[in-house]
Amino acid sequence: MRTLKDALADVNDWGRLAYIVAGQRLPSLAVMLAWRPGLIPALLPELAPAFQDLLATGDWGVMDAARRQALARLREMAAGLNTLLEARKPPRLPGSRTNSTAATWRPWGCEKPIQNLQI
């Protein structure tokens, strides 16, 4: 879940990738794509081909289109995860905490927050 939130933050309309694309910061984009830890490359497969297209054509619109496509797909993924977690609704254990609230998911465009995730 942490990686999903990080990916959503990167591709959101006010996120790191939008900032890089708006300023056409090629070195920053190259570093961002080179240093993607863990599952980020799997969650954002649109970015590598778009980067290659950008290098070939110089068209930053390709990169922004990939960002928007990734954002829409990740929002759907987060909504599906919400549905899955809501259907499960495990019993709350004494002393456990809720790990995800509406306040943590709404900034990324997810309408229904993940609730009752027990850790």
Foldseek 3Di string as FASTA:
>chain_A
DVLLLVLLQCLACPHVLVVCLVVVPLVVLVVCVVPDDDCNCVLQVLQPVLNVVCVVPVDSVSNNVSSVVSLVVSLVVQQVVLVVQVVVQDDDDPPWDWPKDPVSPVVSPRPDIRTDDTD
